PDB file of all heavy atoms in Angstrom:
ATOM      1  N   VAL A   1    -111.654 201.778 147.303  1.00  0.00           N
ATOM      2  CA  VAL A   1    -112.367 200.555 146.974  1.00  0.00           C
ATOM      3  C   VAL A   1    -113.107 200.717 145.651  1.00  0.00           C
ATOM      4  O   VAL A   1    -113.699 201.762 145.379  1.00  0.00           O
ATOM      5  CB  VAL A   1    -113.381 200.212 148.086  1.00  0.00           C
ATOM      6  CG1 VAL A   1    -114.176 198.965 147.715  1.00  0.00           C
ATOM      7  CG2 VAL A   1    -112.668 200.027 149.407  1.00  0.00           C
ATOM      8  N   GLN A   2    -113.039 199.686 144.830  1.00  0.00           N
ATOM      9  CA  GLN A   2    -113.785 199.691 143.573  1.00  0.00           C
ATOM     10  C   GLN A   2    -114.648 198.444 143.495  1.00  0.00           C
ATOM     11  O   GLN A   2    -114.190 197.339 143.832  1.00  0.00           O
ATOM     12  CB  GLN A   2    -112.850 199.749 142.372  1.00  0.00           C
ATOM     13  CG  GLN A   2    -112.174 201.090 142.182  1.00  0.00           C
ATOM     14  CD  GLN A   2    -111.410 201.187 140.884  1.00  0.00           C
ATOM     15  OE1 GLN A   2    -110.984 200.178 140.326  1.00  0.00           O
ATOM     16  NE2 GLN A   2    -111.227 202.410 140.392  1.00  0.00           N
ATOM     17  N   LEU A   3    -115.896 198.636 143.058  1.00  0.00           N
ATOM     18  CA  LEU A   3    -116.834 197.538 142.881  1.00  0.00           C
ATOM     19  C   LEU A   3    -117.370 197.596 141.467  1.00  0.00           C
ATOM     20  O   LEU A   3    -117.826 198.651 141.023  1.00  0.00           O
ATOM     21  CB  LEU A   3    -117.993 197.650 143.875  1.00  0.00           C
ATOM     22  CG  LEU A   3    -117.635 197.689 145.354  1.00  0.00           C
ATOM     23  CD1 LEU A   3    -118.892 197.957 146.189  1.00  0.00           C
ATOM     24  CD2 LEU A   3    -116.994 196.385 145.789  1.00  0.00           C
ATOM     25  N   VAL A   4    -117.336 196.470 140.776  1.00  0.00           N
ATOM     26  CA  VAL A   4    -117.821 196.408 139.398  1.00  0.00           C
ATOM     27  C   VAL A   4    -118.824 195.277 139.286  1.00  0.00           C
ATOM     28  O   VAL A   4    -118.480 194.106 139.490  1.00  0.00           O
ATOM     29  CB  VAL A   4    -116.664 196.202 138.401  1.00  0.00           C
ATOM     30  CG1 VAL A   4    -117.219 196.117 136.985  1.00  0.00           C
ATOM     31  CG2 VAL A   4    -115.655 197.336 138.522  1.00  0.00           C
ATOM     32  N   GLU A   5    -120.070 195.643 138.956  1.00  0.00           N
ATOM     33  CA  GLU A   5    -121.126 194.646 138.810  1.00  0.00           C
ATOM     34  C   GLU A   5    -121.226 194.158 137.361  1.00  0.00           C
ATOM     35  O   GLU A   5    -120.889 194.901 136.425  1.00  0.00           O
ATOM     36  CB  GLU A   5    -122.496 195.226 139.207  1.00  0.00           C
ATOM     37  CG  GLU A   5    -122.601 195.725 140.628  1.00  0.00           C
ATOM     38  CD  GLU A   5    -122.542 197.217 140.721  1.00  0.00           C
ATOM     39  OE1 GLU A   5    -121.923 197.840 139.826  1.00  0.00           O
ATOM     40  OE2 GLU A   5    -123.110 197.787 141.666  1.00  0.00           O
ATOM     41  N   SER A   6    -121.715 192.960 137.205  1.00  0.00           N
ATOM     42  CA  SER A   6    -121.977 192.408 135.878  1.00  0.00           C
ATOM     43  C   SER A   6    -123.096 191.390 135.986  1.00  0.00           C
ATOM     44  O   SER A   6    -123.441 190.945 137.086  1.00  0.00           O
ATOM     45  CB  SER A   6    -120.716 191.760 135.297  1.00  0.00           C
ATOM     46  OG  SER A   6    -120.289 190.707 136.117  1.00  0.00           O
ATOM     47  N   GLY A   7    -123.667 191.033 134.835  1.00  0.00           N
ATOM     48  CA  GLY A   7    -124.654 189.964 134.798  1.00  0.00           C
ATOM     49  C   GLY A   7    -126.083 190.392 134.624  1.00  0.00           C
ATOM     50  O   GLY A   7    -126.973 189.542 134.519  1.00  0.00           O
ATOM     51  N   GLY A   8    -126.342 191.675 134.593  1.00  0.00           N
ATOM     52  CA  GLY A   8    -127.712 192.126 134.400  1.00  0.00           C
ATOM     53  C   GLY A   8    -128.186 191.891 132.981  1.00  0.00           C
ATOM     54  O   GLY A   8    -127.415 191.488 132.103  1.00  0.00           O
ATOM     55  N   GLY A   9    -129.470 192.135 132.754  1.00  0.00           N
ATOM     56  CA  GLY A   9    -130.015 191.969 131.421  1.00  0.00           C
ATOM     57  C   GLY A   9    -131.506 191.800 131.435  1.00  0.00           C
ATOM     58  O   GLY A   9    -132.170 192.066 132.441  1.00  0.00           O
ATOM     59  N   LEU A  10    -132.021 191.336 130.301  1.00  0.00           N
ATOM     60  CA  LEU A  10    -133.446 191.107 130.135  1.00  0.00           C
ATOM     61  C   LEU A  10    -133.737 189.616 130.276  1.00  0.00           C
ATOM     62  O   LEU A  10    -133.059 188.782 129.660  1.00  0.00           O
ATOM     63  CB  LEU A  10    -133.886 191.595 128.757  1.00  0.00           C
ATOM     64  CG  LEU A  10    -135.323 191.278 128.329  1.00  0.00           C
ATOM     65  CD1 LEU A  10    -136.315 191.989 129.230  1.00  0.00           C
ATOM     66  CD2 LEU A  10    -135.526 191.675 126.865  1.00  0.00           C
ATOM     67  N   VAL A  11    -134.742 189.293 131.061  1.00  0.00           N
ATOM     68  CA  VAL A  11    -135.125 187.893 131.259  1.00  0.00           C
ATOM     69  C   VAL A  11    -136.637 187.810 131.366  1.00  0.00           C
ATOM     70  O   VAL A  11    -137.291 188.756 131.815  1.00  0.00           O
ATOM     71  CB  VAL A  11    -134.439 187.323 132.523  1.00  0.00           C
ATOM     72  CG1 VAL A  11    -134.901 188.045 133.781  1.00  0.00           C
ATOM     73  CG2 VAL A  11    -134.646 185.827 132.644  1.00  0.00           C
ATOM     74  N   GLN A  12    -137.188 186.688 130.945  1.00  0.00           N
ATOM     75  CA  GLN A  12    -138.626 186.492 131.034  1.00  0.00           C
ATOM     76  C   GLN A  12    -139.029 186.115 132.454  1.00  0.00           C
ATOM     77  O   GLN A  12    -138.216 185.567 133.210  1.00  0.00           O
ATOM     78  CB  GLN A  12    -139.064 185.391 130.069  1.00  0.00           C
ATOM     79  CG  GLN A  12    -138.931 185.771 128.605  1.00  0.00           C
ATOM     80  CD  GLN A  12    -139.512 184.715 127.686  1.00  0.00           C
ATOM     81  OE1 GLN A  12    -139.726 183.580 128.074  1.00  0.00           O
ATOM     82  NE2 GLN A  12    -139.777 185.114 126.449  1.00  0.00           N
ATOM     83  N   PRO A  13    -140.262 186.411 132.823  1.00  0.00           N
ATOM     84  CA  PRO A  13    -140.748 185.983 134.144  1.00  0.00           C
ATOM     85  C   PRO A  13    -140.547 184.484 134.327  1.00  0.00           C
ATOM     86  O   PRO A  13    -140.788 183.692 133.402  1.00  0.00           O
ATOM     87  CB  PRO A  13    -142.231 186.354 134.094  1.00  0.00           C
ATOM     88  CG  PRO A  13    -142.298 187.510 133.150  1.00  0.00           C
ATOM     89  CD  PRO A  13    -141.276 187.211 132.090  1.00  0.00           C
ATOM     90  N   GLY A  14    -140.099 184.129 135.516  1.00  0.00           N
ATOM     91  CA  GLY A  14    -139.801 182.737 135.813  1.00  0.00           C
ATOM     92  C   GLY A  14    -138.372 182.335 135.505  1.00  0.00           C
ATOM     93  O   GLY A  14    -137.934 181.249 135.893  1.00  0.00           O
ATOM     94  N   GLY A  15    -137.652 183.208 134.836  1.00  0.00           N
ATOM     95  CA  GLY A  15    -136.274 182.913 134.476  1.00  0.00           C
ATOM     96  C   GLY A  15    -135.283 183.202 135.582  1.00  0.00           C
ATOM     97  O   GLY A  15    -135.666 183.570 136.702  1.00  0.00           O
ATOM     98  N   SER A  16    -134.009 183.052 135.250  1.00  0.00           N
ATOM     99  CA  SER A  16    -132.929 183.228 136.222  1.00  0.00           C
ATOM    100  C   SER A  16    -131.847 184.139 135.661  1.00  0.00           C
ATOM    101  O   SER A  16    -131.641 184.210 134.448  1.00  0.00           O
ATOM    102  CB  SER A  16    -132.297 181.876 136.573  1.00  0.00           C
ATOM    103  OG  SER A  16    -133.237 181.007 137.169  1.00  0.00           O
ATOM    104  N   LEU A  17    -131.192 184.815 136.571  1.00  0.00           N
ATOM    105  CA  LEU A  17    -130.000 185.610 136.255  1.00  0.00           C
ATOM    106  C   LEU A  17    -129.036 185.478 137.419  1.00  0.00           C
ATOM    107  O   LEU A  17    -129.459 185.289 138.569  1.00  0.00           O
ATOM    108  CB  LEU A  17    -130.343 187.085 136.070  1.00  0.00           C
ATOM    109  CG  LEU A  17    -130.871 187.576 134.723  1.00  0.00           C
ATOM    110  CD1 LEU A  17    -131.192 189.064 134.809  1.00  0.00           C
ATOM    111  CD2 LEU A  17    -129.892 187.302 133.602  1.00  0.00           C
ATOM    112  N   ARG A  18    -127.768 185.632 137.106  1.00  0.00           N
ATOM    113  CA  ARG A  18    -126.746 185.641 138.155  1.00  0.00           C
ATOM    114  C   ARG A  18    -125.955 186.927 138.037  1.00  0.00           C
ATOM    115  O   ARG A  18    -125.327 187.186 137.005  1.00  0.00           O
ATOM    116  CB  ARG A  18    -125.812 184.438 138.036  1.00  0.00           C
ATOM    117  CG  ARG A  18    -124.860 184.283 139.212  1.00  0.00           C
ATOM    118  CD  ARG A  18    -124.047 183.013 139.088  1.00  0.00           C
ATOM    119  NE  ARG A  18    -123.188 182.767 140.229  1.00  0.00           N
ATOM    120  CZ  ARG A  18    -123.566 182.083 141.312  1.00  0.00           C
ATOM    121  NH1 ARG A  18    -124.790 181.570 141.372  1.00  0.00           N
ATOM    122  NH2 ARG A  18    -122.723 181.895 142.324  1.00  0.00           N
ATOM    123  N   LEU A  19    -126.000 187.731 139.082  1.00  0.00           N
ATOM    124  CA  LEU A  19    -125.217 188.956 139.152  1.00  0.00           C
ATOM    125  C   LEU A  19    -123.911 188.674 139.870  1.00  0.00           C
ATOM    126  O   LEU A  19    -123.864 187.877 140.810  1.00  0.00           O
ATOM    127  CB  LEU A  19    -125.980 190.047 139.889  1.00  0.00           C
ATOM    128  CG  LEU A  19    -127.379 190.395 139.375  1.00  0.00           C
ATOM    129  CD1 LEU A  19    -127.954 191.545 140.199  1.00  0.00           C
ATOM    130  CD2 LEU A  19    -127.362 190.720 137.906  1.00  0.00           C
ATOM    131  N   SER A  20    -122.877 189.367 139.427  1.00  0.00           N
ATOM    132  CA  SER A  20    -121.578 189.220 140.084  1.00  0.00           C
ATOM    133  C   SER A  20    -120.990 190.597 140.350  1.00  0.00           C
ATOM    134  O   SER A  20    -121.194 191.533 139.583  1.00  0.00           O
ATOM    135  CB  SER A  20    -120.632 188.407 139.202  1.00  0.00           C
ATOM    136  OG  SER A  20    -119.421 188.147 139.878  1.00  0.00           O
ATOM    137  N   CYS A  21    -120.296 190.717 141.443  1.00  0.00           N
ATOM    138  CA  CYS A  21    -119.631 191.960 141.816  1.00  0.00           C
ATOM    139  C   CYS A  21    -118.183 191.646 142.148  1.00  0.00           C
ATOM    140  O   CYS A  21    -117.918 190.821 143.036  1.00  0.00           O
ATOM    141  CB  CYS A  21    -120.332 192.583 143.016  1.00  0.00           C
ATOM    142  SG  CYS A  21    -119.505 194.026 143.722  1.00  0.00           S
ATOM    143  N   ALA A  22    -117.281 192.301 141.443  1.00  0.00           N
ATOM    144  CA  ALA A  22    -115.851 192.111 141.680  1.00  0.00           C
ATOM    145  C   ALA A  22    -115.313 193.320 142.424  1.00  0.00           C
ATOM    146  O   ALA A  22    -115.504 194.457 142.006  1.00  0.00           O
ATOM    147  CB  ALA A  22    -115.125 191.932 140.353  1.00  0.00           C
ATOM    148  N   ALA A  23    -114.633 193.051 143.516  1.00  0.00           N
ATOM    149  CA  ALA A  23    -114.090 194.117 144.353  1.00  0.00           C
ATOM    150  C   ALA A  23    -112.585 194.182 144.208  1.00  0.00           C
ATOM    151  O   ALA A  23    -111.910 193.152 144.068  1.00  0.00           O
ATOM    152  CB  ALA A  23    -114.450 193.872 145.811  1.00  0.00           C
ATOM    153  N   SER A  24    -112.062 195.385 144.251  1.00  0.00           N
ATOM    154  CA  SER A  24    -110.613 195.573 144.196  1.00  0.00           C
ATOM    155  C   SER A  24    -110.207 196.643 145.198  1.00  0.00           C
ATOM    156  O   SER A  24    -111.025 197.440 145.646  1.00  0.00           O
ATOM    157  CB  SER A  24    -110.166 195.943 142.787  1.00  0.00           C
ATOM    158  OG  SER A  24    -110.789 197.140 142.353  1.00  0.00           O
TER     159      SER A  24
END
């Protein structure tokens, strides 16, 4: 099984981020 995450980063308080994980 392989899992690859993406979507991280720097954001200001109150902001939003969306993380995604793709499985194979």
